[in-house]
């Protein structure tokens, strides 16, 4: 059963989300605040595929704090943030803390389910790859991308990646020195049916640069191709 955690303090919105996800075949766990969300995650012993987190929740733990903690505990869980249209900076903050995607309120049931399905497919594919007999590694300069355990090393130094970050790096490693348009990266990582904005690519690139570059503000590896997208150089 596909298991999903829904953390939303507004009961009517939470019920709306839960009903539509259960209709789509998900088993849901409901939380009305951040503290309860983390408690449910711990009780499930990490057996949760995707978390849907409202950014603005009461108490000491809002959605951003829960996102940060979940990502610290589990690099492979899918995380989607729910935000109001006015919370532009919070959306970026959520992505920088490790969220895979965000959905802006108000949203339709079909949009929500499509976004959750896309994130779940990524999580399920990663688990399948870990169990399968793939080519073990991709090498690019001093970087080694392990396809079996979905990890990255720079020399001997391990670098923690989310599933989205891993897929971007895998795309880069498969196309070294090639200028990749934002739209192509978006389609490859988030899927052809993704209805969000291309800037989600830029935020993830910013996060990756902080992890792989010696000087993120003057990147030597993830290079901007102005007016187009990004290129991986070694």
C-alpha atoms as a PDB file:
ATOM      1  CA  UNK A   1       0.000   0.000   0.000  1.00  0.00           C
ATOM      2  CA  UNK A   2       1.266   3.460  -0.891  1.00  0.00           C
ATOM      3  CA  UNK A   3       1.522   5.309   2.420  1.00  0.00           C
ATOM      4  CA  UNK A   4       1.335   9.101   2.727  1.00  0.00           C
ATOM      5  CA  UNK A   5       1.477  11.546   5.647  1.00  0.00           C
ATOM      6  CA  UNK A   6      -0.775  14.627   5.413  1.00  0.00           C
ATOM      7  CA  UNK A   7      -0.032  17.483   7.827  1.00  0.00           C
ATOM      8  CA  UNK A   8      -2.522  20.358   7.565  1.00  0.00           C
ATOM      9  CA  UNK A   9      -4.060  22.342  10.457  1.00  0.00           C
ATOM     10  CA  UNK A  10      -7.231  23.389   8.590  1.00  0.00           C
ATOM     11  CA  UNK A  11      -9.564  20.432   8.982  1.00  0.00           C
ATOM     12  CA  UNK A  12     -11.635  21.045   5.842  1.00  0.00           C
ATOM     13  CA  UNK A  13      -8.521  21.242   3.659  1.00  0.00           C
ATOM     14  CA  UNK A  14      -6.992  18.191   5.346  1.00  0.00           C
ATOM     15  CA  UNK A  15     -10.156  16.156   4.809  1.00  0.00           C
ATOM     16  CA  UNK A  16     -10.305  17.285   1.169  1.00  0.00           C
ATOM     17  CA  UNK A  17      -6.703  16.174   0.620  1.00  0.00           C
ATOM     18  CA  UNK A  18      -7.154  12.858   2.433  1.00  0.00           C
ATOM     19  CA  UNK A  19     -10.389  11.913   0.630  1.00  0.00           C
ATOM     20  CA  UNK A  20      -8.857  12.504  -2.801  1.00  0.00           C
ATOM     21  CA  UNK A  21      -5.622  10.692  -1.995  1.00  0.00           C
ATOM     22  CA  UNK A  22      -7.492   7.697  -0.608  1.00  0.00           C
ATOM     23  CA  UNK A  23      -9.625   7.598  -3.748  1.00  0.00           C
ATOM     24  CA  UNK A  24      -6.371   7.477  -5.702  1.00  0.00           C
ATOM     25  CA  UNK A  25      -5.221   4.415  -3.741  1.00  0.00           C
ATOM     26  CA  UNK A  26      -3.096   5.900  -0.962  1.00  0.00           C
ATOM     27  CA  UNK A  27      -3.173   4.930   2.696  1.00  0.00           C
ATOM     28  CA  UNK A  28      -3.125   8.213   4.632  1.00  0.00           C
ATOM     29  CA  UNK A  29      -1.946   9.298   8.066  1.00  0.00           C
ATOM     30  CA  UNK A  30      -3.360  12.641   9.260  1.00  0.00           C
ATOM     31  CA  UNK A  31      -1.679  15.274  11.415  1.00  0.00           C
ATOM     32  CA  UNK A  32      -3.004  18.699  12.415  1.00  0.00           C
ATOM     33  CA  UNK A  33       0.366  20.177  13.387  1.00  0.00           C
ATOM     34  CA  UNK A  34       4.092  19.623  12.973  1.00  0.00           C
ATOM     35  CA  UNK A  35       4.646  17.865  16.276  1.00  0.00           C
ATOM     36  CA  UNK A  36       1.958  15.310  15.513  1.00  0.00           C
ATOM     37  CA  UNK A  37       3.364  14.796  12.010  1.00  0.00           C
ATOM     38  CA  UNK A  38       6.781  13.831  13.362  1.00  0.00           C
ATOM     39  CA  UNK A  39       5.198  11.576  15.993  1.00  0.00           C
ATOM     40  CA  UNK A  40       3.269   9.713  13.295  1.00  0.00           C
ATOM     41  CA  UNK A  41       6.404   9.387  11.197  1.00  0.00           C
ATOM     42  CA  UNK A  42       8.328   7.901  14.127  1.00  0.00           C
ATOM     43  CA  UNK A  43       5.469   5.498  14.984  1.00  0.00           C
ATOM     44  CA  UNK A  44       5.444   4.325  11.359  1.00  0.00           C
ATOM     45  CA  UNK A  45       9.190   3.640  11.748  1.00  0.00           C
ATOM     46  CA  UNK A  46       9.876   5.584   8.579  1.00  0.00           C
ATOM     47  CA  UNK A  47       7.488   3.441   6.504  1.00  0.00           C
ATOM     48  CA  UNK A  48       6.000   6.464   4.727  1.00  0.00           C
ATOM     49  CA  UNK A  49       6.566   7.113   1.023  1.00  0.00           C
ATOM     50  CA  UNK A  50       5.398  10.730   0.701  1.00  0.00           C
ATOM     51  CA  UNK A  51       4.631  13.606   3.088  1.00  0.00           C
ATOM     52  CA  UNK A  52       2.293  16.474   2.187  1.00  0.00           C
ATOM     53  CA  UNK A  53       3.022  19.391   4.531  1.00  0.00           C
ATOM     54  CA  UNK A  54       1.233  22.701   4.906  1.00  0.00           C
ATOM     55  CA  UNK A  55       3.828  25.460   5.301  1.00  0.00           C
ATOM     56  CA  UNK A  56       1.832  27.473   7.858  1.00  0.00           C
ATOM     57  CA  UNK A  57       0.942  25.328  10.868  1.00  0.00           C
ATOM     58  CA  UNK A  58       0.504  26.367  14.520  1.00  0.00           C
ATOM     59  CA  UNK A  59       2.914  25.425  17.287  1.00  0.00           C
ATOM     60  CA  UNK A  60       6.692  25.374  17.403  1.00  0.00           C
ATOM     61  CA  UNK A  61       7.063  23.277  14.248  1.00  0.00           C
ATOM     62  CA  UNK A  62       5.706  24.676  10.992  1.00  0.00           C
ATOM     63  CA  UNK A  63       5.824  22.822   7.684  1.00  0.00           C
ATOM     64  CA  UNK A  64       9.323  24.064   6.870  1.00  0.00           C
ATOM     65  CA  UNK A  65      10.702  22.731  10.163  1.00  0.00           C
ATOM     66  CA  UNK A  66       8.994  19.370   9.609  1.00  0.00           C
ATOM     67  CA  UNK A  67      10.358  19.226   6.068  1.00  0.00           C
ATOM     68  CA  UNK A  68      13.880  19.870   7.322  1.00  0.00           C
ATOM     69  CA  UNK A  69      13.605  17.174  10.009  1.00  0.00           C
ATOM     70  CA  UNK A  70      12.085  14.559   7.683  1.00  0.00           C
ATOM     71  CA  UNK A  71      14.761  15.186   5.085  1.00  0.00           C
ATOM     72  CA  UNK A  72      17.458  14.875   7.755  1.00  0.00           C
ATOM     73  CA  UNK A  73      16.052  11.494   8.778  1.00  0.00           C
ATOM     74  CA  UNK A  74      15.252  10.167   5.301  1.00  0.00           C
ATOM     75  CA  UNK A  75      16.839  11.280   2.031  1.00  0.00           C
ATOM     76  CA  UNK A  76      14.438   9.200  -0.071  1.00  0.00           C
ATOM     77  CA  UNK A  77      11.008  10.237   1.284  1.00  0.00           C
ATOM     78  CA  UNK A  78       8.982  12.382  -1.119  1.00  0.00           C
ATOM     79  CA  UNK A  79       7.978  15.772   0.292  1.00  0.00           C
ATOM     80  CA  UNK A  80       5.367  18.167  -1.126  1.00  0.00           C
ATOM     81  CA  UNK A  81       4.664  21.543   0.467  1.00  0.00           C
ATOM     82  CA  UNK A  82       1.230  23.199   0.459  1.00  0.00           C
ATOM     83  CA  UNK A  83       1.435  26.988   0.267  1.00  0.00           C
ATOM     84  CA  UNK A  84      -0.697  30.078  -0.269  1.00  0.00           C
ATOM     85  CA  UNK A  85      -0.050  32.233  -3.323  1.00  0.00           C
ATOM     86  CA  UNK A  86       1.475  34.941  -1.113  1.00  0.00           C
ATOM     87  CA  UNK A  87       4.121  32.608   0.380  1.00  0.00           C
ATOM     88  CA  UNK A  88       6.629  32.884  -2.463  1.00  0.00           C
ATOM     89  CA  UNK A  89       9.738  32.998  -0.251  1.00  0.00           C
ATOM     90  CA  UNK A  90       8.419  30.116   1.850  1.00  0.00           C
ATOM     91  CA  UNK A  91       8.102  27.990  -1.288  1.00  0.00           C
ATOM     92  CA  UNK A  92      11.757  28.597  -2.094  1.00  0.00           C
ATOM     93  CA  UNK A  93      12.712  27.946   1.535  1.00  0.00           C
ATOM     94  CA  UNK A  94      10.861  24.635   1.436  1.00  0.00           C
ATOM     95  CA  UNK A  95      12.689  23.545  -1.703  1.00  0.00           C
ATOM     96  CA  UNK A  96      16.012  24.604  -0.221  1.00  0.00           C
ATOM     97  CA  UNK A  97      15.265  22.491   2.866  1.00  0.00           C
ATOM     98  CA  UNK A  98      14.710  19.417   0.720  1.00  0.00           C
ATOM     99  CA  UNK A  99      11.112  19.444  -0.513  1.00  0.00           C
ATOM    100  CA  UNK A 100      10.545  17.839  -3.908  1.00  0.00           C
ATOM    101  CA  UNK A 101       7.657  20.028  -5.008  1.00  0.00           C
ATOM    102  CA  UNK A 102       5.006  22.470  -3.832  1.00  0.00           C
ATOM    103  CA  UNK A 103       1.313  22.912  -4.602  1.00  0.00           C
ATOM    104  CA  UNK A 104      -0.279  26.345  -4.356  1.00  0.00           C
ATOM    105  CA  UNK A 105      -3.702  26.784  -2.728  1.00  0.00           C
ATOM    106  CA  UNK A 106      -6.368  26.641  -3.996  1.00  0.00           C
ATOM    107  CA  UNK A 107      -5.698  23.494  -6.003  1.00  0.00           C
ATOM    108  CA  UNK A 108      -7.850  20.941  -7.796  1.00  0.00           C
ATOM    109  CA  UNK A 109      -8.011  17.277  -6.755  1.00  0.00           C
ATOM    110  CA  UNK A 110      -6.534  16.223 -10.094  1.00  0.00           C
ATOM    111  CA  UNK A 111      -3.542  18.563  -9.717  1.00  0.00           C
ATOM    112  CA  UNK A 112      -2.823  17.369  -6.187  1.00  0.00           C
ATOM    113  CA  UNK A 113      -3.044  13.672  -7.078  1.00  0.00           C
ATOM    114  CA  UNK A 114      -0.906  14.182 -10.193  1.00  0.00           C
ATOM    115  CA  UNK A 115       1.831  15.862  -8.147  1.00  0.00           C
ATOM    116  CA  UNK A 116       1.725  13.177  -5.448  1.00  0.00           C
ATOM    117  CA  UNK A 117       1.765  10.417  -8.072  1.00  0.00           C
ATOM    118  CA  UNK A 118       4.839  11.946  -9.713  1.00  0.00           C
ATOM    119  CA  UNK A 119       6.747  12.129  -6.421  1.00  0.00           C
ATOM    120  CA  UNK A 120       5.652   8.626  -5.432  1.00  0.00           C
ATOM    121  CA  UNK A 121       6.850   7.204  -8.765  1.00  0.00           C
ATOM    122  CA  UNK A 122      10.261   8.746  -8.128  1.00  0.00           C
ATOM    123  CA  UNK A 123      10.445   7.208  -4.640  1.00  0.00           C
ATOM    124  CA  UNK A 124       9.290   3.803  -5.902  1.00  0.00           C
ATOM    125  CA  UNK A 125      11.747   3.888  -8.800  1.00  0.00           C
ATOM    126  CA  UNK A 126      14.621   4.682  -6.444  1.00  0.00           C
ATOM    127  CA  UNK A 127      13.689   1.722  -4.234  1.00  0.00           C
ATOM    128  CA  UNK A 128      13.463  -0.542  -7.278  1.00  0.00           C
ATOM    129  CA  UNK A 129      16.884   0.574  -8.498  1.00  0.00           C
ATOM    130  CA  UNK A 130      18.409  -0.152  -5.100  1.00  0.00           C
ATOM    131  CA  UNK A 131      17.117  -3.712  -5.301  1.00  0.00           C
ATOM    132  CA  UNK A 132      17.911  -4.268  -8.975  1.00  0.00           C
ATOM    133  CA  UNK A 133      21.118  -5.162 -10.732  1.00  0.00           C
ATOM    134  CA  UNK A 134      22.086  -1.872 -12.364  1.00  0.00           C
ATOM    135  CA  UNK A 135      25.391  -0.635 -13.574  1.00  0.00           C
ATOM    136  CA  UNK A 136      26.905   0.336 -10.252  1.00  0.00           C
ATOM    137  CA  UNK A 137      28.513   3.733 -10.850  1.00  0.00           C
ATOM    138  CA  UNK A 138      28.895   6.744 -13.089  1.00  0.00           C
ATOM    139  CA  UNK A 139      32.224   8.589 -12.914  1.00  0.00           C
ATOM    140  CA  UNK A 140      32.748  12.246 -13.784  1.00  0.00           C
ATOM    141  CA  UNK A 141      36.086  13.772 -12.842  1.00  0.00           C
ATOM    142  CA  UNK A 142      36.508  13.473  -9.073  1.00  0.00           C
ATOM    143  CA  UNK A 143      32.797  12.708  -8.639  1.00  0.00           C
ATOM    144  CA  UNK A 144      31.308   9.213  -8.370  1.00  0.00           C
ATOM    145  CA  UNK A 145      27.556   8.637  -8.599  1.00  0.00           C
ATOM    146  CA  UNK A 146      26.515   5.268  -7.179  1.00  0.00           C
ATOM    147  CA  UNK A 147      23.363   4.072  -8.934  1.00  0.00           C
ATOM    148  CA  UNK A 148      22.714   1.246  -6.527  1.00  0.00           C
ATOM    149  CA  UNK A 149      22.584   3.185  -3.258  1.00  0.00           C
ATOM    150  CA  UNK A 150      21.703   6.513  -4.936  1.00  0.00           C
ATOM    151  CA  UNK A 151      24.658   8.380  -3.452  1.00  0.00           C
ATOM    152  CA  UNK A 152      27.349  10.805  -4.573  1.00  0.00           C
ATOM    153  CA  UNK A 153      30.982  11.116  -3.581  1.00  0.00           C
ATOM    154  CA  UNK A 154      33.450  13.900  -4.279  1.00  0.00           C
ATOM    155  CA  UNK A 155      36.747  12.080  -3.946  1.00  0.00           C
ATOM    156  CA  UNK A 156      36.289  10.206  -0.670  1.00  0.00           C
ATOM    157  CA  UNK A 157      33.760  12.692   0.707  1.00  0.00           C
ATOM    158  CA  UNK A 158      30.100  11.526   0.657  1.00  0.00           C
ATOM    159  CA  UNK A 159      27.484  14.086  -0.365  1.00  0.00           C
ATOM    160  CA  UNK A 160      23.882  13.604   0.779  1.00  0.00           C
ATOM    161  CA  UNK A 161      21.356  13.952  -2.056  1.00  0.00           C
ATOM    162  CA  UNK A 162      17.575  13.996  -2.183  1.00  0.00           C
ATOM    163  CA  UNK A 163      15.944  11.881  -4.899  1.00  0.00           C
ATOM    164  CA  UNK A 164      15.388  14.979  -7.039  1.00  0.00           C
ATOM    165  CA  UNK A 165      19.022  16.031  -6.666  1.00  0.00           C
ATOM    166  CA  UNK A 166      20.176  12.518  -7.524  1.00  0.00           C
ATOM    167  CA  UNK A 167      18.118  12.478 -10.727  1.00  0.00           C
ATOM    168  CA  UNK A 168      19.492  15.863 -11.776  1.00  0.00           C
ATOM    169  CA  UNK A 169      23.055  14.666 -11.167  1.00  0.00           C
ATOM    170  CA  UNK A 170      22.392  11.433 -13.057  1.00  0.00           C
ATOM    171  CA  UNK A 171      21.125  13.517 -16.000  1.00  0.00           C
ATOM    172  CA  UNK A 172      24.230  15.728 -15.836  1.00  0.00           C
ATOM    173  CA  UNK A 173      26.584  12.740 -15.624  1.00  0.00           C
ATOM    174  CA  UNK A 174      24.891  11.176 -18.648  1.00  0.00           C
ATOM    175  CA  UNK A 175      25.321  14.418 -20.637  1.00  0.00           C
ATOM    176  CA  UNK A 176      28.695  15.939 -19.635  1.00  0.00           C
ATOM    177  CA  UNK A 177      29.524  19.234 -21.305  1.00  0.00           C
ATOM    178  CA  UNK A 178      26.059  19.467 -22.897  1.00  0.00           C
ATOM    179  CA  UNK A 179      23.924  22.585 -22.403  1.00  0.00           C
ATOM    180  CA  UNK A 180      20.661  21.215 -20.985  1.00  0.00           C
ATOM    181  CA  UNK A 181      17.576  23.458 -21.255  1.00  0.00           C
ATOM    182  CA  UNK A 182      15.578  23.999 -18.075  1.00  0.00           C
ATOM    183  CA  UNK A 183      12.558  22.463 -19.778  1.00  0.00           C
ATOM    184  CA  UNK A 184      14.475  19.275 -20.563  1.00  0.00           C
ATOM    185  CA  UNK A 185      15.692  18.969 -16.965  1.00  0.00           C
ATOM    186  CA  UNK A 186      12.138  19.577 -15.725  1.00  0.00           C
ATOM    187  CA  UNK A 187      10.704  16.917 -18.050  1.00  0.00           C
ATOM    188  CA  UNK A 188      13.434  14.375 -17.231  1.00  0.00           C
ATOM    189  CA  UNK A 189      13.186  14.757 -13.443  1.00  0.00           C
ATOM    190  CA  UNK A 190       9.589  15.825 -12.740  1.00  0.00           C
ATOM    191  CA  UNK A 191       7.930  14.128 -15.749  1.00  0.00           C
ATOM    192  CA  UNK A 192       6.330  15.332 -18.958  1.00  0.00           C
ATOM    193  CA  UNK A 193       2.989  16.000 -17.266  1.00  0.00           C
ATOM    194  CA  UNK A 194       4.394  18.338 -14.601  1.00  0.00           C
ATOM    195  CA  UNK A 195       2.217  21.452 -14.302  1.00  0.00           C
ATOM    196  CA  UNK A 196       4.428  23.519 -11.987  1.00  0.00           C
ATOM    197  CA  UNK A 197       6.956  26.229 -12.775  1.00  0.00           C
ATOM    198  CA  UNK A 198      10.440  25.901 -14.275  1.00  0.00           C
ATOM    199  CA  UNK A 199      11.946  27.851 -11.378  1.00  0.00           C
ATOM    200  CA  UNK A 200      11.796  24.663  -9.318  1.00  0.00           C
ATOM    201  CA  UNK A 201      14.792  23.599 -11.429  1.00  0.00           C
ATOM    202  CA  UNK A 202      16.713  26.751 -10.481  1.00  0.00           C
ATOM    203  CA  UNK A 203      16.111  26.268  -6.757  1.00  0.00           C
ATOM    204  CA  UNK A 204      17.329  22.659  -6.902  1.00  0.00           C
ATOM    205  CA  UNK A 205      20.405  23.729  -8.878  1.00  0.00           C
ATOM    206  CA  UNK A 206      21.155  26.338  -6.204  1.00  0.00           C
ATOM    207  CA  UNK A 207      20.887  23.634  -3.542  1.00  0.00           C
ATOM    208  CA  UNK A 208      23.128  21.259  -5.512  1.00  0.00           C
ATOM    209  CA  UNK A 209      25.772  23.946  -5.964  1.00  0.00           C
ATOM    210  CA  UNK A 210      25.918  24.389  -2.202  1.00  0.00           C
ATOM    211  CA  UNK A 211      26.726  20.683  -1.944  1.00  0.00           C
ATOM    212  CA  UNK A 212      29.152  20.052  -4.812  1.00  0.00           C
ATOM    213  CA  UNK A 213      30.900  23.370  -5.485  1.00  0.00           C
ATOM    214  CA  UNK A 214      33.882  24.787  -3.615  1.00  0.00           C
ATOM    215  CA  UNK A 215      32.488  28.270  -4.308  1.00  0.00           C
ATOM    216  CA  UNK A 216      28.740  28.034  -4.987  1.00  0.00           C
ATOM    217  CA  UNK A 217      28.622  31.665  -6.103  1.00  0.00           C
ATOM    218  CA  UNK A 218      31.281  30.952  -8.746  1.00  0.00           C
ATOM    219  CA  UNK A 219      30.425  27.392  -9.827  1.00  0.00           C
ATOM    220  CA  UNK A 220      33.024  25.367 -11.694  1.00  0.00           C
ATOM    221  CA  UNK A 221      30.869  22.296 -12.338  1.00  0.00           C
ATOM    222  CA  UNK A 222      27.183  23.270 -12.570  1.00  0.00           C
ATOM    223  CA  UNK A 223      27.507  26.147 -15.000  1.00  0.00           C
ATOM    224  CA  UNK A 224      24.676  28.461 -16.037  1.00  0.00           C
ATOM    225  CA  UNK A 225      24.054  28.678 -19.783  1.00  0.00           C
ATOM    226  CA  UNK A 226      22.345  32.050 -19.950  1.00  0.00           C
ATOM    227  CA  UNK A 227      18.930  32.067 -21.580  1.00  0.00           C
ATOM    228  CA  UNK A 228      18.870  28.271 -21.779  1.00  0.00           C
ATOM    229  CA  UNK A 229      19.675  26.211 -18.689  1.00  0.00           C
ATOM    230  CA  UNK A 230      22.710  24.464 -17.188  1.00  0.00           C
ATOM    231  CA  UNK A 231      25.803  22.461 -18.171  1.00  0.00           C
ATOM    232  CA  UNK A 232      27.885  19.952 -16.181  1.00  0.00           C
ATOM    233  CA  UNK A 233      31.625  20.576 -16.496  1.00  0.00           C
ATOM    234  CA  UNK A 234      34.535  18.654 -14.953  1.00  0.00           C
END
